Protein backbone atom coordinates (compact mmCIF):
# COMPACT_ATOMS: atom_id res chain seq x y z
CA MET A 1 242.55 227.88 76.64
CA CYS A 2 241.92 230.66 74.17
CA GLY A 3 243.53 234.16 74.57
CA ILE A 4 241.62 237.38 75.27
CA VAL A 5 242.60 240.85 74.93
CA GLY A 6 240.78 244.11 75.17
CA TYR A 7 241.86 247.82 75.06
CA ILE A 8 240.20 251.15 75.70
CA GLY A 9 242.21 254.33 75.35
CA ASP A 10 243.00 257.09 73.03
CA ARG A 11 245.69 255.11 70.68
CA GLN A 12 244.81 253.02 67.80
CA ALA A 13 243.50 249.54 69.32
CA ALA A 14 244.47 247.28 66.37
CA GLY A 15 248.23 247.19 66.91
CA ILE A 16 247.99 246.91 70.65
CA LEU A 17 245.35 244.08 70.42
CA LEU A 18 247.56 242.22 67.88
CA ASP A 19 250.82 242.70 70.10
CA GLY A 20 248.83 241.32 72.97
CA LEU A 21 247.52 238.15 71.20
CA GLU A 22 251.15 237.62 70.07
CA LYS A 23 251.79 237.09 73.66
CA LEU A 24 249.02 234.83 74.01
CA GLU A 25 249.43 232.65 71.17
CA TYR A 26 250.67 229.81 73.26
CA ARG A 27 246.89 229.52 74.60
CA GLY A 28 245.65 228.70 71.21
CA TYR A 29 246.50 229.27 67.43
CA ASP A 30 243.52 227.63 65.40
CA SER A 31 242.22 231.14 64.40
CA ALA A 32 242.23 234.85 65.48
CA GLY A 33 240.50 237.89 65.23
CA ILE A 34 239.87 241.42 66.38
CA ALA A 35 236.92 243.68 66.64
CA ILE A 36 237.24 247.52 66.65
CA MET A 37 234.42 250.00 67.64
CA GLY A 38 233.98 252.34 64.43
CA LYS A 39 231.82 255.53 64.55
CA ASP A 40 228.62 253.68 64.27
CA LYS A 41 229.41 250.25 63.91
CA ILE A 42 231.70 247.27 65.06
CA LYS A 43 234.18 246.28 62.44
CA CYS A 44 235.64 242.78 62.61
CA CYS A 45 238.74 241.19 60.97
CA LYS A 46 239.08 237.43 61.44
CA VAL A 47 241.16 234.63 60.01
CA LYS A 48 241.87 230.87 60.20
CA GLY A 49 245.38 229.95 61.39
CA ARG A 50 248.03 231.83 63.04
CA LEU A 51 248.15 235.44 64.21
CA GLU A 52 250.62 236.36 61.18
CA ASN A 53 247.56 235.85 58.98
CA LEU A 54 245.49 238.17 61.08
CA ARG A 55 248.16 240.82 60.90
CA ASN A 56 248.36 240.60 57.24
CA ALA A 57 244.67 240.75 57.06
CA CYS A 58 244.44 243.87 59.13
CA ARG A 59 246.87 245.72 56.82
CA GLU A 60 244.39 244.96 53.90
CA THR A 61 241.35 245.94 55.94
CA GLU A 62 240.64 249.34 57.62
CA VAL A 63 240.15 248.65 61.32
CA SER A 64 240.66 252.01 62.88
CA GLY A 65 239.29 253.02 66.35
CA SER A 66 240.68 253.19 70.02
CA VAL A 67 238.41 250.71 71.55
CA GLY A 68 238.69 246.89 70.71
CA ILE A 69 238.62 243.19 71.55
CA GLY A 70 240.95 240.52 70.35
CA HIS A 71 240.99 236.68 70.57
CA THR A 72 243.22 233.79 69.74
CA ARG A 73 241.36 230.42 69.48
CA TRP A 74 242.05 226.78 70.49
CA ALA A 75 239.09 225.21 68.85
CA THR A 76 236.59 223.19 71.13
CA HIS A 77 233.16 223.68 69.40
CA GLY A 78 233.53 223.92 65.72
CA GLU A 79 236.34 223.32 63.38
CA PRO A 80 239.01 226.08 63.02
CA SER A 81 237.45 228.42 60.30
CA VAL A 82 236.68 232.17 59.79
CA ALA A 83 233.09 231.57 60.69
CA ASN A 84 234.07 230.01 64.00
CA ALA A 85 236.91 232.42 64.79
CA HIS A 86 236.01 235.16 67.55
CA PRO A 87 234.92 237.92 67.99
CA HIS A 88 231.53 236.97 67.58
CA LEU A 89 228.62 239.44 66.80
CA SER A 90 225.00 239.61 67.82
CA ASN A 91 222.50 239.33 64.94
CA ASP A 92 221.87 243.14 64.97
CA GLY A 93 225.66 243.72 64.89
CA LYS A 94 225.29 245.81 68.03
CA PHE A 95 227.28 243.57 70.35
CA ALA A 96 230.74 241.81 70.04
CA VAL A 97 232.11 239.11 72.41
CA VAL A 98 235.38 237.37 72.97
CA HIS A 99 235.16 234.18 75.04
CA ASN A 100 237.46 231.62 76.58
CA GLY A 101 235.81 228.42 78.12
CA ILE A 102 233.12 226.23 77.29
CA ILE A 103 229.16 227.04 77.43
CA GLU A 104 228.05 223.60 78.55
CA ASN A 105 224.25 224.49 77.83
CA TYR A 106 224.73 226.16 74.51
CA VAL A 107 222.42 223.78 72.61
CA GLU A 108 219.63 224.69 74.86
CA LEU A 109 220.28 228.26 74.66
CA ARG A 110 220.50 227.99 70.81
CA GLU A 111 217.03 226.56 70.90
CA PHE A 112 215.80 229.22 73.32
CA LEU A 113 217.22 232.12 71.16
CA GLY A 114 215.87 230.40 68.04
CA GLU A 115 212.28 230.46 69.44
CA LYS A 116 212.81 234.41 69.69
CA GLY A 117 214.00 234.82 66.08
CA TYR A 118 217.85 234.65 66.66
CA THR A 119 219.89 232.85 64.12
CA PHE A 120 223.55 231.51 64.13
CA SER A 121 226.22 231.68 61.57
CA SER A 122 228.87 229.56 63.31
CA GLU A 123 229.32 226.09 65.13
CA THR A 124 230.64 227.58 68.28
CA ASP A 125 229.17 227.70 71.77
CA THR A 126 230.29 231.12 72.10
CA GLU A 127 227.74 232.72 69.54
CA VAL A 128 224.85 232.40 71.91
CA ILE A 129 226.56 235.06 74.40
CA PRO A 130 226.22 238.15 72.28
CA ASN A 131 222.64 237.31 71.29
CA LEU A 132 221.88 236.76 75.02
CA VAL A 133 223.22 240.25 75.67
CA SER A 134 221.40 241.56 72.93
CA LEU A 135 218.15 239.91 74.38
CA PHE A 136 218.61 241.48 77.72
CA TYR A 137 219.97 244.86 76.75
CA LYS A 138 217.92 247.74 78.09
CA GLY A 139 220.24 250.58 77.86
CA ASN A 140 223.02 249.36 80.35
CA LEU A 141 225.48 246.97 79.09
CA LEU A 142 226.66 245.53 82.46
CA GLU A 143 223.21 244.69 83.51
CA ALA A 144 222.69 242.74 80.08
CA VAL A 145 225.84 241.02 80.73
CA ILE A 146 224.96 240.00 84.22
CA GLU A 147 221.39 238.68 83.22
CA ALA A 148 223.01 236.78 80.15
CA THR A 149 225.69 235.18 82.34
CA LYS A 150 223.03 233.98 84.75
CA MET A 151 221.85 231.66 81.78
CA LEU A 152 225.26 230.22 81.21
CA THR A 153 226.64 226.86 82.53
CA GLY A 154 230.11 226.15 82.12
CA SER A 155 233.22 228.13 82.30
CA TYR A 156 234.00 231.46 80.72
CA GLY A 157 236.27 234.64 80.46
CA ILE A 158 234.25 237.20 78.46
CA CYS A 159 234.74 240.71 77.19
CA VAL A 160 231.92 242.62 75.36
CA MET A 161 231.55 245.74 73.63
CA CYS A 162 228.44 247.55 72.55
CA THR A 163 227.60 250.30 69.76
CA ASP A 164 225.20 251.76 72.01
CA GLU A 165 227.98 252.55 74.86
CA PRO A 166 231.04 252.80 72.59
CA ASN A 167 233.29 254.13 75.46
CA GLU A 168 233.27 251.13 77.59
CA LEU A 169 233.98 247.44 77.71
CA VAL A 170 232.45 244.83 80.14
CA ALA A 171 234.27 241.68 81.27
CA VAL A 172 233.61 238.92 83.51
CA ARG A 173 235.30 235.60 84.57
CA LYS A 174 234.07 232.26 85.91
CA ASP A 175 236.74 229.38 85.94
CA SER A 176 238.77 231.06 83.35
CA PRO A 177 241.40 233.74 84.12
CA LEU A 178 241.12 237.42 83.55
CA ILE A 179 243.26 240.26 84.65
CA ILE A 180 242.76 243.92 84.21
CA GLY A 181 245.69 246.20 83.32
CA LEU A 182 245.66 249.75 84.71
CA LYS A 183 247.31 252.75 82.78
CA LYS A 184 246.48 256.52 82.73
CA ASN A 185 243.72 257.37 80.45
CA GLU A 186 243.57 253.61 79.18
CA MET A 187 242.76 250.10 80.22
CA PHE A 188 243.51 246.64 79.30
CA VAL A 189 241.81 243.25 79.72
CA ALA A 190 243.60 240.00 79.19
CA SER A 191 243.61 236.33 79.76
CA ASP A 192 247.47 236.45 81.13
CA ILE A 193 250.00 239.08 82.25
CA PRO A 194 252.26 238.72 79.22
CA ALA A 195 249.84 239.96 76.98
CA ILE A 196 249.74 243.55 78.60
CA LEU A 197 253.38 243.48 80.27
CA LYS A 198 254.61 245.87 77.50
CA GLU A 199 251.93 248.44 78.41
CA THR A 200 251.67 248.14 82.35
CA ARG A 201 252.74 246.40 85.20
CA SER A 202 249.76 247.35 87.49
CA VAL A 203 246.77 244.82 87.34
CA TYR A 204 243.74 243.76 89.22
CA LEU A 205 243.26 239.93 89.36
CA LEU A 206 239.57 239.18 88.81
CA GLU A 207 237.80 236.40 91.02
CA ASP A 208 235.10 234.09 89.76
CA ASN A 209 231.81 235.89 89.14
CA GLU A 210 233.15 239.33 89.14
CA TYR A 211 232.46 241.88 86.52
CA VAL A 212 234.29 244.83 85.48
CA ILE A 213 233.48 248.27 83.37
CA LEU A 214 236.52 249.37 81.72
CA THR A 215 236.46 253.10 80.48
CA ARG A 216 239.35 255.48 79.91
CA ASP A 217 239.10 256.78 83.37
CA GLY A 218 239.58 253.38 85.11
CA ALA A 219 237.82 250.08 86.01
CA ARG A 220 234.83 249.59 88.21
CA MET A 221 234.14 246.08 89.53
CA PHE A 222 230.95 244.34 90.60
CA ASN A 223 229.58 241.10 91.94
CA MET A 224 226.49 239.38 90.48
CA ASP A 225 224.27 241.60 92.78
CA LYS A 226 225.65 244.75 91.12
CA GLN A 227 227.41 245.71 94.19
CA GLU A 228 230.45 247.52 93.50
CA ILE A 229 233.65 245.82 95.03
CA SER A 230 237.37 246.65 95.04
CA HIS A 231 240.70 244.86 94.72
CA ASP A 232 244.33 245.61 95.65
CA VAL A 233 246.43 246.56 92.67
CA TYR A 234 249.09 243.73 91.96
CA LYS A 235 252.45 244.81 90.93
CA VAL A 236 254.06 242.55 88.25
CA THR A 237 257.74 242.22 89.05
CA PHE A 238 259.21 239.62 86.60
CA ASP A 239 261.18 240.87 83.92
CA ASP A 240 259.61 241.21 80.55
CA SER A 241 262.78 240.08 78.77
CA ALA A 242 262.06 236.61 80.21
CA ALA A 243 259.05 236.34 77.73
CA GLU A 244 261.55 236.89 74.83
CA LYS A 245 263.51 234.33 72.64
CA ALA A 246 266.83 236.29 73.48
CA GLY A 247 268.54 235.05 70.44
CA TYR A 248 267.39 231.43 70.81
CA ASP A 249 265.61 229.85 67.65
CA HIS A 250 262.60 228.94 69.94
CA PHE A 251 261.30 229.40 73.47
CA MET A 252 261.56 225.72 74.12
CA ILE A 253 265.52 225.55 73.65
CA LYS A 254 265.68 228.78 75.65
CA GLU A 255 263.79 227.38 78.47
CA ILE A 256 265.68 224.25 78.33
CA HIS A 257 268.98 226.25 78.90
CA GLU A 258 267.19 228.36 81.61
CA GLN A 259 266.83 225.26 83.92
CA PRO A 260 270.09 225.85 86.04
CA LYS A 261 269.08 229.08 86.88
CA ALA A 262 265.40 228.05 87.52
CA VAL A 263 266.65 225.44 89.90
CA ARG A 264 268.81 227.65 91.74
CA ASP A 265 266.14 230.23 91.84
CA THR A 266 263.63 227.73 93.21
CA LEU A 267 265.91 226.76 95.87
CA ALA A 268 267.13 230.33 96.87
CA GLY A 269 266.22 231.19 100.42
CA ARG A 270 264.45 227.82 100.97
CA VAL A 271 267.38 225.35 101.08
CA VAL A 272 270.40 227.08 102.95
CA ALA A 273 273.31 224.89 104.51
CA GLY A 274 273.11 224.92 108.25
CA LYS A 275 269.68 226.62 108.38
CA PRO A 276 266.16 224.90 108.68
CA ILE A 277 264.31 224.41 105.48
CA ASP A 278 261.70 226.86 104.62
CA PHE A 279 258.73 225.67 102.65
CA ASP A 280 257.49 229.27 102.06
CA GLY A 281 256.38 229.75 105.54
CA LEU A 282 254.36 226.55 106.11
CA LYS A 283 254.29 225.54 109.78
CA ILE A 284 254.56 221.76 110.44
CA GLU A 285 251.73 222.24 112.86
CA GLU A 286 249.52 223.04 110.02
CA ILE A 287 249.88 219.54 108.61
CA GLU A 288 250.75 217.64 111.73
CA ASN A 289 248.05 215.29 111.80
CA VAL A 290 248.13 214.53 107.94
CA ASN A 291 247.94 210.81 107.44
CA LYS A 292 247.45 210.66 103.75
CA ILE A 293 248.67 212.72 100.97
CA TYR A 294 247.09 213.13 97.37
CA ILE A 295 249.21 214.74 94.60
CA VAL A 296 246.91 215.74 91.83
CA ALA A 297 248.07 217.16 88.54
CA CYS A 298 247.83 216.87 84.64
CA GLY A 299 250.29 216.04 82.08
CA THR A 300 253.72 216.96 82.89
CA ALA A 301 252.86 217.99 86.24
CA TYR A 302 251.42 214.55 86.97
CA HIS A 303 254.70 212.89 86.00
CA ALA A 304 256.37 215.32 88.41
CA GLY A 305 253.97 214.31 91.05
CA LEU A 306 255.01 210.55 90.49
CA ILE A 307 258.58 211.37 91.45
CA GLY A 308 257.25 213.61 94.35
CA LYS A 309 255.34 210.35 95.62
CA LYS A 310 258.59 208.41 95.97
CA ALA A 311 260.46 211.26 97.51
CA ILE A 312 257.64 211.85 100.19
CA GLU A 313 257.07 208.19 100.80
CA GLY A 314 260.81 207.55 101.29
CA LEU A 315 261.56 210.56 103.45
CA CYS A 316 258.34 211.07 105.29
CA ASN A 317 256.79 207.62 105.91
CA ILE A 318 253.24 209.08 104.71
CA PRO A 319 251.25 207.23 102.16
CA VAL A 320 250.88 209.22 98.99
CA GLU A 321 248.50 208.64 96.07
CA VAL A 322 248.96 210.44 92.64
CA ASP A 323 246.01 211.19 90.57
CA ILE A 324 245.12 212.71 87.28
CA ALA A 325 243.22 215.58 88.00
CA SER A 326 240.51 214.98 85.39
CA GLU A 327 239.90 211.58 87.11
CA PHE A 328 240.32 212.53 90.68
CA ARG A 329 236.77 213.81 91.56
CA TYR A 330 234.98 210.98 89.68
CA ARG A 331 236.24 208.24 91.75
CA ASN A 332 234.81 209.51 95.12
CA PRO A 333 238.28 209.68 96.72
CA ILE A 334 238.43 209.35 100.56
CA ILE A 335 239.13 212.82 101.88
CA THR A 336 239.09 213.83 105.55
CA GLU A 337 240.37 216.67 107.69
CA ASN A 338 243.68 214.70 108.10
CA THR A 339 244.21 214.59 104.19
CA LEU A 340 246.67 216.91 102.46
CA LEU A 341 246.10 217.52 98.81
CA ILE A 342 249.11 218.99 96.83
CA VAL A 343 247.96 220.42 93.62
CA ILE A 344 250.56 221.12 90.72
CA SER A 345 249.86 223.44 87.91
CA GLN A 346 252.37 225.50 85.85
CA SER A 347 249.74 228.10 85.20
CA GLY A 348 247.77 227.94 88.33
CA GLU A 349 244.62 228.04 86.07
CA THR A 350 244.16 224.30 84.92
CA ALA A 351 240.36 223.69 85.27
CA ASP A 352 240.61 219.99 86.36
CA THR A 353 243.33 220.82 88.90
CA LEU A 354 241.22 223.68 90.36
CA ALA A 355 238.09 221.34 90.46
CA ALA A 356 240.20 218.87 92.44
CA LEU A 357 241.22 221.66 94.87
CA ARG A 358 237.78 222.80 95.38
CA LEU A 359 236.51 219.35 96.23
CA ALA A 360 239.27 218.67 98.66
CA LYS A 361 238.68 222.00 100.67
CA LYS A 362 234.72 221.19 100.56
CA HIS A 363 235.61 218.02 102.59
CA GLY A 364 237.91 219.72 105.00
CA ALA A 365 241.37 218.90 103.62
CA LYS A 366 244.42 221.11 103.61
CA VAL A 367 245.56 222.05 100.27
CA ILE A 368 249.04 223.19 99.06
CA ALA A 369 249.57 224.63 95.67
CA ILE A 370 252.67 224.23 93.52
CA THR A 371 252.55 226.88 90.78
CA ASN A 372 254.75 228.98 88.82
CA VAL A 373 252.34 232.04 88.34
CA VAL A 374 252.00 234.55 91.15
CA GLY A 375 248.42 235.63 91.76
CA SER A 376 246.95 232.54 89.89
CA THR A 377 243.51 231.12 91.07
CA VAL A 378 245.15 228.09 92.61
CA SER A 379 247.52 230.13 94.57
CA ARG A 380 244.63 232.26 95.82
CA GLU A 381 242.41 229.41 96.75
CA ALA A 382 245.02 226.91 98.38
CA ASP A 383 245.86 227.13 102.01
CA ALA A 384 249.55 227.25 101.37
CA VAL A 385 251.32 228.08 98.02
CA PHE A 386 254.91 227.30 96.89
CA TYR A 387 256.03 229.41 93.73
CA THR A 388 258.50 227.64 91.41
CA HIS A 389 260.18 230.72 90.15
CA ALA A 390 260.94 229.27 86.99
CA GLY A 391 260.07 232.58 85.13
CA PRO A 392 257.58 232.65 82.22
CA GLU A 393 257.41 229.43 80.23
CA ILE A 394 256.09 230.24 76.76
CA ALA A 395 256.74 226.98 74.72
CA VAL A 396 253.78 224.87 75.05
CA ALA A 397 255.79 221.71 76.00
CA SER A 398 257.02 222.18 79.59
CA THR A 399 260.40 221.98 80.54
CA LYS A 400 261.88 224.31 83.20
CA ALA A 401 258.43 224.38 84.92
CA TYR A 402 258.83 220.41 85.22
CA THR A 403 262.28 220.62 86.92
CA THR A 404 261.17 223.19 89.32
CA GLN A 405 258.19 221.16 90.18
CA LEU A 406 260.53 218.30 91.20
CA ILE A 407 262.60 220.70 93.23
CA ALA A 408 259.38 221.87 94.96
CA LEU A 409 258.31 218.37 95.86
CA TYR A 410 261.81 217.50 97.16
CA VAL A 411 261.84 220.56 99.25
CA PHE A 412 258.44 219.59 100.86
CA ALA A 413 259.77 215.99 101.56
CA LEU A 414 262.78 217.41 103.11
CA PHE A 415 260.82 219.98 105.07
CA VAL A 416 258.42 217.34 106.60
CA ALA A 417 261.40 214.97 107.36
CA GLU A 418 263.28 217.58 109.01
CA GLN A 419 260.36 219.21 111.10
CA LYS A 420 259.34 215.59 112.35
CA LYS A 421 262.94 214.64 112.92
CA LEU A 422 262.66 211.52 110.79
CA LEU A 423 266.23 212.04 109.66
CA SER A 424 269.33 213.02 111.55
CA ASP A 425 270.77 216.43 111.24
CA ALA A 426 273.51 215.10 109.32
CA GLU A 427 271.34 213.31 106.87
CA ILE A 428 269.43 216.48 106.30
CA GLU A 429 272.58 218.48 105.59
CA HIS A 430 273.49 215.63 103.27
CA TYR A 431 270.41 215.90 101.30
CA LYS A 432 270.48 219.68 101.13
CA ASN A 433 273.96 219.87 99.89
CA ASP A 434 273.09 217.53 97.13
CA LEU A 435 270.01 219.67 96.20
CA LEU A 436 272.17 222.63 96.09
CA SER A 437 274.54 221.05 93.58
CA LEU A 438 272.08 219.95 91.17
CA ALA A 439 272.16 223.12 89.25
CA ASP A 440 275.61 222.56 88.34
CA SER A 441 274.82 218.97 87.19
CA VAL A 442 272.13 220.19 85.07
CA GLU A 443 274.49 222.70 83.38
CA GLU A 444 277.01 219.78 82.75
CA VAL A 445 274.52 217.49 81.19
CA LEU A 446 273.46 220.45 78.78
CA GLY A 447 276.97 219.96 77.42
CA CYS A 448 275.62 216.68 75.50
CA GLU A 449 273.47 218.95 73.25
CA SER A 450 275.49 218.49 70.20
CA ALA A 451 275.55 215.00 70.51
CA ILE A 452 271.79 214.67 71.14
CA LYS A 453 271.26 216.81 67.98
CA LYS A 454 273.37 214.41 66.05
CA MET A 455 271.64 211.60 67.50
CA SER A 456 268.19 213.04 66.63
CA LYS A 457 268.69 213.20 62.76
CA LYS A 458 268.62 209.27 62.97
CA LEU A 459 265.01 209.37 64.23
CA VAL A 460 263.31 211.60 61.85
CA ASN A 461 261.42 208.61 59.89
CA GLN A 462 260.39 206.92 62.96
CA LYS A 463 256.68 206.00 63.50
CA ASP A 464 257.03 204.44 66.88
CA MET A 465 259.39 204.58 69.76
CA PHE A 466 259.61 203.16 73.29
CA PHE A 467 260.89 204.46 76.49
CA LEU A 468 261.92 202.15 79.22
CA GLY A 469 262.72 202.79 82.94
CA ARG A 470 262.43 201.21 86.46
CA GLY A 471 261.79 203.24 89.69
CA LEU A 472 262.09 206.82 89.32
CA ASP A 473 263.50 206.31 85.84
CA TYR A 474 260.01 204.71 84.63
CA ALA A 475 258.46 208.17 85.70
CA VAL A 476 261.14 210.08 83.77
CA ALA A 477 260.47 207.78 80.77
CA MET A 478 256.87 208.86 80.83
CA GLU A 479 257.91 212.47 80.57
CA GLY A 480 260.53 211.72 77.79
CA SER A 481 257.79 209.92 75.86
CA LEU A 482 255.25 212.74 76.47
CA LYS A 483 257.75 215.47 75.13
CA LEU A 484 258.32 213.33 71.88
CA LYS A 485 254.79 213.04 71.15
CA GLU A 486 253.92 216.75 71.90
CA ILE A 487 256.23 218.23 69.62
CA SER A 488 257.40 215.70 67.05
CA TYR A 489 254.38 213.72 66.56
CA ILE A 490 256.03 210.44 66.75
CA HIS A 491 253.99 207.86 68.67
CA SER A 492 255.88 206.69 71.57
CA GLU A 493 254.95 204.68 74.69
CA PRO A 494 256.75 204.54 78.08
CA TYR A 495 256.96 201.24 80.04
CA ALA A 496 258.33 200.04 83.03
CA GLY A 497 261.21 197.59 82.40
CA GLY A 498 259.59 194.70 84.32
CA GLU A 499 256.20 195.06 82.24
CA LEU A 500 258.06 194.29 78.78
CA LYS A 501 257.40 190.50 79.19
CA HIS A 502 253.65 191.33 79.73
CA GLY A 503 252.89 192.21 76.33
CA PRO A 504 254.74 195.20 74.84
CA ILE A 505 257.87 193.22 73.90
CA ALA A 506 255.54 191.77 70.97
CA LEU A 507 255.96 194.95 69.24
CA ILE A 508 259.72 194.94 69.30
CA GLU A 509 261.31 194.08 65.91
CA ASP A 510 264.46 194.90 63.88
CA GLY A 511 264.95 198.76 64.15
CA THR A 512 262.44 199.52 66.71
CA VAL A 513 263.88 202.50 68.69
CA VAL A 514 263.95 201.81 72.37
CA VAL A 515 265.12 204.92 74.83
CA CYS A 516 266.51 203.37 78.03
CA ILE A 517 266.89 205.33 81.22
CA SER A 518 269.21 203.88 84.00
CA THR A 519 270.30 205.81 87.00
CA SER A 520 269.64 203.53 89.89
CA SER A 521 272.57 201.37 90.99
CA ASP A 522 270.03 198.91 92.86
CA LEU A 523 267.87 198.49 89.76
CA LYS A 524 270.70 198.39 87.29
CA PRO A 525 270.97 194.76 87.08
CA LYS A 526 267.23 194.29 86.44
CA MET A 527 267.36 197.07 83.92
CA ASP A 528 270.24 195.50 82.06
CA SER A 529 268.32 192.38 81.76
CA ASN A 530 265.39 194.37 80.12
CA ILE A 531 267.85 195.91 77.82
CA LYS A 532 269.24 192.59 76.58
CA GLU A 533 265.47 191.43 76.01
CA VAL A 534 265.00 194.03 73.38
CA VAL A 535 268.52 194.06 72.04
CA THR A 536 267.98 190.23 71.23
CA ARG A 537 264.77 191.20 69.30
CA GLY A 538 266.67 193.72 67.03
CA ALA A 539 265.99 196.84 68.78
CA TYR A 540 268.07 200.04 68.33
CA ILE A 541 269.06 201.25 71.89
CA ILE A 542 269.51 204.96 73.15
CA GLY A 543 270.79 204.99 76.60
CA ILE A 544 270.71 207.69 79.13
CA GLN A 545 272.61 206.43 82.22
CA THR A 546 274.72 207.67 84.98
CA GLU A 547 278.33 208.03 84.07
CA GLY A 548 280.45 205.16 85.13
CA PHE A 549 277.71 202.43 84.46
CA ASP A 550 278.44 199.77 81.98
CA THR A 551 277.25 200.76 78.55
CA ASN A 552 275.35 197.26 77.95
CA GLY A 553 276.03 197.76 74.20
CA PHE A 554 273.93 200.70 73.40
CA ASP A 555 273.75 201.99 69.98
CA GLU A 556 273.89 205.47 71.23
CA MET A 557 274.31 206.87 74.64
CA CYS A 558 274.27 209.98 76.65
CA SER A 559 276.11 209.85 80.02
CA ILE A 560 274.79 211.92 82.78
CA PRO A 561 276.52 213.21 85.98
CA ARG A 562 276.23 211.08 89.14
CA VAL A 563 273.97 212.70 91.55
CA ASN A 564 271.88 211.49 94.52
CA GLU A 565 269.84 209.04 92.94
CA LEU A 566 266.67 210.47 94.58
CA PHE A 567 267.37 213.49 92.65
CA SER A 568 268.42 212.16 89.22
CA PRO A 569 265.21 212.69 87.33
CA VAL A 570 266.09 216.30 87.44
CA VAL A 571 269.32 215.67 85.53
CA SER A 572 268.10 212.57 83.46
CA VAL A 573 265.18 214.28 81.91
CA ILE A 574 267.32 216.88 80.38
CA PRO A 575 268.56 214.68 77.45
CA LEU A 576 265.13 213.61 76.65
CA GLN A 577 263.82 217.14 76.34
CA LEU A 578 266.87 217.77 74.12
CA LEU A 579 265.95 214.71 71.98
CA ALA A 580 262.31 215.55 71.59
CA TYR A 581 263.46 219.43 70.67
CA TYR A 582 265.88 218.29 67.90
CA VAL A 583 263.88 215.53 66.51
CA SER A 584 261.12 218.07 66.24
CA ILE A 585 263.44 220.49 64.47
CA ALA A 586 264.64 217.70 62.00
CA LYS A 587 261.09 216.98 61.08
CA GLY A 588 260.41 220.50 60.47
CA CYS A 589 257.59 220.71 63.22
CA ASP A 590 256.45 224.01 64.98
CA VAL A 591 258.37 223.42 68.14
CA ASP A 592 256.87 226.20 70.31
CA LYS A 593 253.36 225.72 68.91
CA PRO A 594 252.48 221.97 68.37
CA ARG A 595 249.39 221.16 66.61
CA ASN A 596 246.14 220.84 68.71
CA LEU A 597 247.65 221.99 71.92
CA ALA A 598 247.59 224.92 74.16
CA LYS A 599 249.86 225.94 77.26
CA SER A 600 246.98 226.49 79.73
CA VAL A 601 244.11 224.09 79.73
CA THR A 602 241.37 225.93 81.37
CA VAL A 603 238.47 223.92 80.26
CA GLU A 604 237.60 220.49 81.44
């Protein structure tokens, strides 16, 4: 989850590293630091807190040099502090390391190194790495890093520099992403493309257990057996302005407003009136014999999966289970060659989701990945991949990635239904037309922004809130509740309307805020009853419901355009995203960088 940047070239490294780390701060912002190769020693500058603190510290500390590494931290082992901030140095000061991941056997390695006279000044798992490299160093940095990593258990993206070899960097990845940026007379390494997009669009995508030596002249890559390997150069195509705020106060509100475009882009070329649906080249023959589908994801992507289950089961008549990725492999799921696993990950690097993918493939299952990042690990390891084309999503709280994940799942369900002739041509065209009109409906519902902003000011002092829904609306309630928790720090819980009487209603009292989502005409009478149950007990009701529905005495209400009810989650979630955003603003929270969270969860 941490962010890594490295640079070697002829320019001053500090500014380049700081600019790169700024683009990676969504990966963690508990502390930050850089290390620069000096004439005869490595100079470090490290701070607790945000990157701005590091910029200020670097102005006061001389850190000049043209080779360096940088890090922004999401704390796992050890509290946020200067001592625990990266880069970490070896005892002799010759080696500096930045690391993303978790070293699971660091306690044993500390004891091993302690017996050899090494000491430690931090609480981190990372500090064992530079000392292991020091232990194994015999004049060749690559060989020392290879020997050191042979002793590591866990996940890691690592970049190392050494005073004895001042004109090179060595990096390696295992279960934590690293990319290599290519430019004449200078090279870059980073956890993610945005960190180096200002400098180059030519990159190598490292695979697990691959090592790279970076010099000013280029990159040489090796496997664990020290055999040199090669990669094709990947050309980054997305517009770097997509990773800027473009006049918006925060990335999150920008990304909320980008959803109509994201929906259109995700559908473009895949769903066209009068033409067969294209699921990015997938052939129905490849999944013809599938008799069970698992959808596996984490967080917001998991909520998208719950809606995907209803779409696939309803249109394709195939049983679907939705699992939280971190739980999936520990319950011994029944996987056969007739099983299809759909993994959903915005970044394509989520550790738990990757573990589920690998388990499924080990048992012979077909795997389809839904991801937003071209060239990500899940996209490379899956049998088929559907890119959501949402563009870079910088805010930690996901919005446009979620809506495009829903679109991907709808497209898959309709693709299978069409190919297996489970629906008539007329029915397929009807669904396609409804999908193609969704972006317009999203634009329309964004018009309620000012009303949501006004509404949010009444919620600033709330300690607890509830979200209610039935059917698809319950899955949307889960996502709305999560958004509020993530960025406003208000405790909230989602419930299926019918579950109220089974315990939660005991918590309803005068003034309790309950957000009620109602978009299903079939379930509306039941939902109306649930709303009356909480109103009777003094709840303050915020309604999100389809235009034309009775208001049911809501205290506040946002009407959404009438759409195909199967697709309603794409529209009904928008007011909930806006509500979370404006409550967070009203409370003075850091919207884009909520406490304790990171965008890409690359550790288990």
